[in-house]
Structures are given as C-alpha cells and as structure tokens.
Amino acid sequence: QLGGDDQWSNMIAGVELVRRKAQGQSMAMTCTLLTNSQGQKMGKTVGGALWLDPNKVSPFDFYQYWRNVDDADVEKCLSLLTFVPMDEVREICSVEGSAINEAKKRLAFEVTKLVHGEEEANKAKT
C-alpha cells in the first residue's frame, strides 16, 4: 500500500489483515502529504476531491484545478509533481505578478499530461 503519512495506522491494519487472512506478505509505504502554502492538505479534504479518473473529473477540470492553484504553491507543485528540470522550474517561477500565470499553465499542462496523456492535456489547455 502507498499512502499519505496521515494514513499510516490504516495501512498497517491492511498489512496485518493480508498477513492473517491470506498468509501473504504485504508492505506499506508513506509519502509526505502535499500541502498548500497555508499548510492545508491539497485534495479531498480541502475544496473537494481531485480524481484521476476522467469519469469523475474531466481532463479539462483536472487541468483547471492545477491552472488555478495559489501563486505561492506553483513552484512546489511543479517541482514535486512534474519532470520539468529544477533549473527551469526556478526560472519560470522567479517572476512576479501576473507573469506567474505562464508557470501555472505549464504546471497544469504537465500534470494533466502525466495523468491523462498529451492529447487530453492539449485539448484541456485550449
């Protein structure tokens, strides 16, 4: 199981259940939660769920979620969620004012491309 570090006890319960019921081996791994600049969890506990399934959230709405993240969160999200080289992330996020919108568009495109593919990402940005 892979989950946020706030789910550790639930994951351990799942590992134990697999061990007892299926006599199998199971492992759990946690990762740091993605939080916004105010320290709130990004995802279903803040502002509704952001599903990866296009039947629950369309690629367009998925793109728009990332396009509209707070200015203060763009660099963190680009660095953690995309394969954009760090020097490029720093460069496109070093701007002030409305110029950060180009970085937001890049974030939205890159994350949408990873989840839904390049064709859907291109459709979503138009």
Foldseek 3Di string as FASTA:
>chain_A
DEEAPVCVVVVVVVQVCCCPPVVDGDDYDHDHFDAAPVRHGPADVPPHHQDLDCVVPNLLRQLVVQLPGDLRCLLVLCVPQAPDDNVVSCVQSVDDDPSVSVSSNVSSLRNSCVRPNNVSSVVNSD
